[in-house]
């Protein structure tokens, strides 16, 4: 099976709490993360919190859908790139028949460790290149780039996108903020 890489921006700019001026934008973000628009207006979520909500909403439906396209590899990037280890979706023994015919309910943990904005800069080109380098020689179905788009360091990300295109690896961008 090919790999699908989810590349998550964990730079400090992901801690920004955006205030949406347009009701349509506010409604779209609120709907995507499962919150009421007025609640989001009164208590804005940081960009990282929005990513967390998108990834954990509906028991990790988005991650499951991405993983259905191939083996999921999750990396975070800022000025450095880190591989994130996925946590098990259910505890061992969950869902198995127990004495007296009772079934232990599935306990779902976070599919990945929390996204903590900490990187002092954002180098998208490095993130893209390191993701491809980590899977050198392996088939890659695509890269899902989740970022606020504020590239502050390194090479032009379009050069890295061209590099991915030459390897026939599509990049799907999810803009946050």
Protein backbone atom coordinates (compact mmCIF):
# COMPACT_ATOMS: atom_id res chain seq x y z
CA UNK A 1 0.00 0.00 0.00
CA UNK A 2 1.22 3.51 -0.72
CA UNK A 3 1.80 6.03 2.04
CA UNK A 4 -0.28 9.12 2.68
CA UNK A 5 1.66 11.79 4.56
CA UNK A 6 -0.13 14.28 6.78
CA UNK A 7 2.21 17.23 7.35
CA UNK A 8 1.01 19.44 10.23
CA UNK A 9 2.33 22.95 10.89
CA UNK A 10 3.34 23.29 14.55
CA UNK A 11 4.97 26.72 14.36
CA UNK A 12 4.13 29.45 16.87
CA UNK A 13 1.80 31.18 14.40
CA UNK A 14 -0.55 28.21 14.85
CA UNK A 15 -1.28 29.55 18.36
CA UNK A 16 -3.01 32.62 16.86
CA UNK A 17 -6.74 32.87 17.60
CA UNK A 18 -8.33 34.30 14.48
CA UNK A 19 -11.45 36.44 14.69
CA UNK A 20 -13.58 35.93 11.60
CA UNK A 21 -15.15 39.15 10.31
CA UNK A 22 -17.45 37.46 7.83
CA UNK A 23 -20.31 35.36 9.22
CA UNK A 24 -19.89 32.92 6.32
CA UNK A 25 -16.25 32.25 7.27
CA UNK A 26 -17.14 31.92 10.94
CA UNK A 27 -19.95 29.50 10.08
CA UNK A 28 -17.70 27.36 7.88
CA UNK A 29 -15.01 27.03 10.55
CA UNK A 30 -17.55 26.38 13.31
CA UNK A 31 -19.28 23.72 11.21
CA UNK A 32 -15.99 22.03 10.31
CA UNK A 33 -14.95 21.67 13.95
CA UNK A 34 -18.39 20.93 15.38
CA UNK A 35 -18.95 24.13 17.34
CA UNK A 36 -21.66 26.75 17.27
CA UNK A 37 -20.72 29.97 15.43
CA UNK A 38 -21.59 32.18 18.42
CA UNK A 39 -19.52 30.00 20.73
CA UNK A 40 -16.54 30.33 18.36
CA UNK A 41 -17.08 34.09 18.12
CA UNK A 42 -17.08 34.47 21.92
CA UNK A 43 -14.28 31.95 22.57
CA UNK A 44 -12.03 31.85 19.50
CA UNK A 45 -9.99 28.71 18.96
CA UNK A 46 -6.31 28.83 18.07
CA UNK A 47 -5.29 27.53 14.67
CA UNK A 48 -3.75 24.47 16.38
CA UNK A 49 -7.00 23.86 18.28
CA UNK A 50 -8.88 23.96 14.97
CA UNK A 51 -6.51 21.34 13.53
CA UNK A 52 -6.98 19.21 16.66
CA UNK A 53 -10.76 19.49 16.35
CA UNK A 54 -10.67 18.57 12.67
CA UNK A 55 -8.53 15.50 13.35
CA UNK A 56 -10.51 14.26 16.35
CA UNK A 57 -14.04 15.15 15.22
CA UNK A 58 -16.43 12.23 14.72
CA UNK A 59 -14.00 9.75 16.32
CA UNK A 60 -11.19 10.68 13.95
CA UNK A 61 -13.24 10.36 10.77
CA UNK A 62 -10.91 12.58 8.74
CA UNK A 63 -7.83 10.57 9.76
CA UNK A 64 -9.64 7.32 8.99
CA UNK A 65 -10.63 8.61 5.55
CA UNK A 66 -7.06 9.69 4.81
CA UNK A 67 -5.71 6.37 6.12
CA UNK A 68 -8.10 4.52 3.78
CA UNK A 69 -6.08 5.92 0.87
CA UNK A 70 -2.84 4.34 2.15
CA UNK A 71 -0.61 3.89 5.17
CA UNK A 72 -0.83 7.07 7.21
CA UNK A 73 2.40 8.80 8.24
CA UNK A 74 2.04 11.95 10.35
CA UNK A 75 4.79 14.55 10.60
CA UNK A 76 4.86 18.00 12.17
CA UNK A 77 6.99 20.85 10.90
CA UNK A 78 8.07 24.34 11.78
CA UNK A 79 11.76 25.09 11.42
CA UNK A 80 12.33 21.36 12.10
CA UNK A 81 10.46 18.22 11.02
CA UNK A 82 9.33 15.51 13.46
CA UNK A 83 7.67 12.14 12.94
CA UNK A 84 4.57 11.79 15.12
CA UNK A 85 3.70 8.38 16.48
CA UNK A 86 0.03 7.60 16.18
CA UNK A 87 -1.65 6.38 19.35
CA UNK A 88 -3.85 3.28 19.14
CA UNK A 89 -7.46 4.06 18.36
CA UNK A 90 -8.69 1.46 20.86
CA UNK A 91 -7.15 -0.11 23.96
CA UNK A 92 -6.13 -3.78 23.78
CA UNK A 93 -9.02 -6.01 24.74
CA UNK A 94 -11.62 -3.35 23.98
CA UNK A 95 -14.53 -4.65 21.97
CA UNK A 96 -13.84 -8.29 22.93
CA UNK A 97 -16.44 -10.45 24.65
CA UNK A 98 -15.94 -10.58 28.41
CA UNK A 99 -17.30 -12.96 31.06
CA UNK A 100 -21.08 -12.93 31.32
CA UNK A 101 -21.27 -11.87 27.67
CA UNK A 102 -20.58 -8.21 28.40
CA UNK A 103 -18.55 -6.34 25.85
CA UNK A 104 -15.98 -3.77 26.92
CA UNK A 105 -16.84 -0.52 25.13
CA UNK A 106 -14.22 0.83 22.76
CA UNK A 107 -12.21 3.55 24.44
CA UNK A 108 -10.82 5.88 21.86
CA UNK A 109 -7.74 7.91 22.64
CA UNK A 110 -6.35 10.75 20.64
CA UNK A 111 -5.21 9.40 17.27
CA UNK A 112 -2.06 11.51 17.47
CA UNK A 113 -0.40 13.44 20.28
CA UNK A 114 -1.75 17.00 20.66
CA UNK A 115 -0.44 19.62 18.25
CA UNK A 116 1.59 22.07 20.35
CA UNK A 117 2.70 25.22 18.50
CA UNK A 118 6.32 25.71 19.49
CA UNK A 119 8.52 26.17 16.44
CA UNK A 120 10.00 29.66 16.10
CA UNK A 121 9.69 29.65 12.29
CA UNK A 122 7.99 27.88 9.42
CA UNK A 123 9.92 26.14 6.66
CA UNK A 124 7.35 24.49 4.39
CA UNK A 125 9.95 23.52 1.79
CA UNK A 126 11.94 21.62 4.42
CA UNK A 127 8.77 19.94 5.69
CA UNK A 128 7.82 18.77 2.20
CA UNK A 129 11.32 17.61 1.31
CA UNK A 130 11.85 15.79 4.62
CA UNK A 131 8.50 14.05 4.25
CA UNK A 132 9.52 12.76 0.83
CA UNK A 133 13.01 11.88 2.06
CA UNK A 134 11.58 9.87 4.98
CA UNK A 135 9.72 7.70 2.49
CA UNK A 136 12.39 7.49 -0.21
CA UNK A 137 11.81 4.44 -2.35
CA UNK A 138 8.30 3.92 -0.96
CA UNK A 139 5.17 4.70 -2.98
CA UNK A 140 3.49 7.92 -1.79
CA UNK A 141 -0.15 8.52 -2.74
CA UNK A 142 0.00 12.14 -1.61
CA UNK A 143 0.87 14.71 1.02
CA UNK A 144 -1.83 16.55 2.98
CA UNK A 145 -0.24 19.85 4.04
CA UNK A 146 -2.11 21.48 6.96
CA UNK A 147 -0.76 24.99 7.55
CA UNK A 148 -1.60 28.64 8.04
CA UNK A 149 0.60 29.33 5.03
CA UNK A 150 3.01 31.68 6.76
CA UNK A 151 6.36 30.50 5.39
CA UNK A 152 9.11 32.39 7.27
CA UNK A 153 12.28 30.40 6.63
CA UNK A 154 14.17 28.49 3.97
CA UNK A 155 13.56 27.88 0.31
CA UNK A 156 10.42 28.85 -1.59
CA UNK A 157 7.81 26.13 -0.90
CA UNK A 158 6.92 26.13 -4.60
CA UNK A 159 10.36 24.66 -5.33
CA UNK A 160 9.61 21.78 -2.96
CA UNK A 161 6.18 21.38 -4.56
CA UNK A 162 7.88 21.12 -7.97
CA UNK A 163 10.20 18.48 -6.50
CA UNK A 164 7.17 16.50 -5.29
CA UNK A 165 5.48 16.89 -8.67
CA UNK A 166 8.56 15.45 -10.43
CA UNK A 167 8.10 12.39 -8.20
CA UNK A 168 4.38 12.27 -9.11
CA UNK A 169 3.38 13.04 -5.51
CA UNK A 170 0.35 15.35 -5.29
CA UNK A 171 0.08 17.88 -2.45
CA UNK A 172 -3.31 18.67 -0.97
CA UNK A 173 -3.29 21.89 1.05
CA UNK A 174 -5.61 22.58 3.97
CA UNK A 175 -5.41 26.25 4.93
CA UNK A 176 -5.98 27.16 8.58
CA UNK A 177 -6.58 30.74 9.69
